[in-house]
Amino acid sequence: MLGTVEGLKRFVEMHESPYHGLNFCQGTIAEMLDDPAREIFAVIRWFGERGKIFNVHFRNIKGKKLDFMEGKKLDFMEAFPTRATWTCPRALAAYRDVGYPYMLMPDHVPRIDGRDPSGVAFAYCYGYIQALLDALVPRP
């Protein structure tokens, strides 16, 4: 049920409550889509307009969904928010437009080399998220 967007929709509609919603991992949800660069924004709107997004893993991927019927796995890789399938500024605007008031955080980061690679990669992602928030124009 939770491996498709339609399944996630059924899940949040099973029991109506202001406490029943999702830790919305936009990377995981993008992995479920045929064309994440086009489709992710409508998914954000659908869940956001219903108040079913409680936390956002603000991450991005490179890749696409392959045919599950052939038993293939998802073909994607973690990507920094600036180098990926869809534009993060547009995703942030979608969260703003539905009135999402809570936390945005990276969940996974790409592997890099150097001293403290995980710390540096997460710091970059947090800094990018903060820059997007600072640059976001208020809702018209």
Protein backbone atom coordinates (compact mmCIF):
# COMPACT_ATOMS: atom_id res chain seq x y z
CA MET A 1 0.00 0.00 0.00
CA LEU A 2 2.74 2.47 0.87
CA GLY A 3 4.83 1.85 -2.25
CA THR A 4 2.73 4.06 -4.52
CA VAL A 5 1.30 7.55 -4.34
CA GLU A 6 -2.21 6.12 -4.69
CA GLY A 7 -1.47 3.80 -1.76
CA LEU A 8 -0.26 6.71 0.35
CA LYS A 9 -3.45 8.57 -0.48
CA ARG A 10 -5.54 5.58 0.63
CA PHE A 11 -3.46 5.35 3.81
CA VAL A 12 -4.10 8.96 4.89
CA GLU A 13 -7.80 8.61 4.05
CA MET A 14 -8.25 5.40 6.10
CA HIS A 15 -8.80 7.24 9.36
CA GLU A 16 -9.50 10.94 9.35
CA SER A 17 -7.67 12.64 12.17
CA PRO A 18 -5.53 15.76 12.48
CA TYR A 19 -2.83 13.41 13.84
CA HIS A 20 -2.83 11.00 10.89
CA GLY A 21 -0.46 11.98 8.10
CA LEU A 22 2.99 11.49 6.65
CA ASN A 23 6.63 12.07 7.22
CA PHE A 24 6.75 13.25 3.61
CA CYS A 25 10.02 12.10 2.09
CA GLN A 26 9.97 13.83 -1.27
CA GLY A 27 12.88 11.70 -2.52
CA THR A 28 11.09 8.44 -1.72
CA ILE A 29 7.87 9.72 -3.25
CA ALA A 30 9.75 10.87 -6.35
CA GLU A 31 11.06 7.32 -6.71
CA MET A 32 7.44 6.21 -7.11
CA LEU A 33 6.72 8.61 -9.98
CA ASP A 34 7.14 8.12 -13.71
CA ASP A 35 8.23 11.73 -14.22
CA PRO A 36 9.28 13.22 -10.87
CA ALA A 37 10.35 16.54 -12.40
CA ARG A 38 6.76 17.09 -13.51
CA GLU A 39 4.67 15.11 -11.00
CA ILE A 40 6.18 15.83 -7.56
CA PHE A 41 4.52 19.25 -7.25
CA ALA A 42 0.98 17.86 -7.67
CA VAL A 43 1.72 15.23 -5.01
CA ILE A 44 2.95 17.92 -2.61
CA ARG A 45 -0.26 19.87 -3.29
CA TRP A 46 -2.55 16.85 -2.79
CA PHE A 47 -1.14 15.93 0.62
CA GLY A 48 -0.43 19.52 1.70
CA GLU A 49 -3.91 20.83 0.93
CA ARG A 50 -5.33 18.10 3.18
CA GLY A 51 -2.93 18.88 6.04
CA LYS A 52 -1.32 15.45 5.80
CA ILE A 53 2.33 16.51 5.67
CA PHE A 54 3.82 16.59 9.17
CA ASN A 55 7.51 16.64 8.34
CA VAL A 56 9.46 16.93 5.08
CA HIS A 57 12.61 15.09 4.14
CA PHE A 58 13.69 17.74 1.67
CA ARG A 59 15.95 15.73 -0.58
CA ASN A 60 16.38 15.11 -4.25
CA ILE A 61 17.31 12.23 -6.52
CA LYS A 62 18.64 11.63 -9.99
CA GLY A 63 16.85 8.90 -11.87
CA LYS A 64 13.45 7.47 -12.70
CA LYS A 65 11.04 4.69 -11.90
CA LEU A 66 11.54 1.47 -13.81
CA ASP A 67 8.91 -1.12 -14.56
CA PHE A 68 8.05 -3.00 -11.36
CA MET A 69 6.25 -5.66 -13.38
CA GLU A 70 9.60 -6.83 -14.75
CA GLY A 71 10.98 -7.09 -11.22
CA LYS A 72 13.44 -4.24 -11.68
CA LYS A 73 14.44 -2.05 -8.80
CA LEU A 74 14.24 1.71 -8.79
CA ASP A 75 16.99 3.34 -10.81
CA PHE A 76 18.01 6.44 -8.86
CA MET A 77 20.79 7.91 -6.78
CA GLU A 78 20.96 10.51 -4.03
CA ALA A 79 21.73 13.99 -5.33
CA PHE A 80 22.49 17.35 -3.84
CA PRO A 81 19.45 19.61 -4.08
CA THR A 82 21.10 21.69 -6.80
CA ARG A 83 21.90 18.74 -9.09
CA ALA A 84 18.90 16.57 -9.48
CA THR A 85 15.62 15.61 -11.08
CA TRP A 86 13.37 18.55 -10.12
CA THR A 87 13.94 22.06 -8.89
CA CYS A 88 13.95 22.45 -5.14
CA PRO A 89 12.93 26.13 -5.24
CA ARG A 90 9.72 25.12 -7.00
CA ALA A 91 9.12 22.35 -4.44
CA LEU A 92 9.62 24.83 -1.59
CA ALA A 93 7.11 27.18 -3.24
CA ALA A 94 4.61 24.30 -3.40
CA TYR A 95 4.98 23.73 0.36
CA ARG A 96 4.52 27.45 0.94
CA ASP A 97 1.43 27.55 -1.28
CA VAL A 98 -0.32 24.78 0.69
CA GLY A 99 0.53 26.45 4.00
CA TYR A 100 2.99 23.81 5.24
CA PRO A 101 4.33 25.29 8.53
CA TYR A 102 6.74 22.65 9.83
CA MET A 103 10.29 21.42 9.43
CA LEU A 104 12.25 20.79 6.20
CA MET A 105 15.36 18.65 6.57
CA PRO A 106 17.67 16.60 4.43
CA ASP A 107 17.29 12.89 5.11
CA HIS A 108 20.03 11.41 2.97
CA VAL A 109 22.96 13.11 1.30
CA PRO A 110 25.25 12.00 -1.49
CA ARG A 111 28.57 10.47 -0.54
CA ILE A 112 31.53 12.78 -0.96
CA ASP A 113 35.24 12.56 -0.20
CA GLY A 114 37.25 14.56 2.28
CA ARG A 115 37.38 15.28 5.96
CA ASP A 116 34.01 14.59 7.66
CA PRO A 117 32.18 13.84 4.38
CA SER A 118 28.77 13.27 5.96
CA GLY A 119 28.98 16.41 8.10
CA VAL A 120 30.04 18.55 5.15
CA ALA A 121 27.32 17.12 2.87
CA PHE A 122 24.60 17.69 5.49
CA ALA A 123 25.89 21.21 6.21
CA TYR A 124 25.69 22.01 2.51
CA CYS A 125 22.10 20.74 2.32
CA TYR A 126 21.01 22.63 5.45
CA GLY A 127 22.65 25.79 4.12
CA TYR A 128 20.90 25.37 0.78
CA ILE A 129 17.52 24.89 2.46
CA GLN A 130 18.11 28.03 4.56
CA ALA A 131 19.10 30.00 1.44
CA LEU A 132 15.90 28.86 -0.31
CA LEU A 133 13.81 29.90 2.68
CA ASP A 134 15.54 33.28 2.79
CA ALA A 135 14.96 33.82 -0.93
CA LEU A 136 11.38 32.57 -1.02
CA VAL A 137 8.99 35.30 -2.01
CA PRO A 138 5.89 35.51 0.21
CA ARG A 139 2.80 33.90 -1.22
CA PRO A 140 0.97 36.27 -3.59
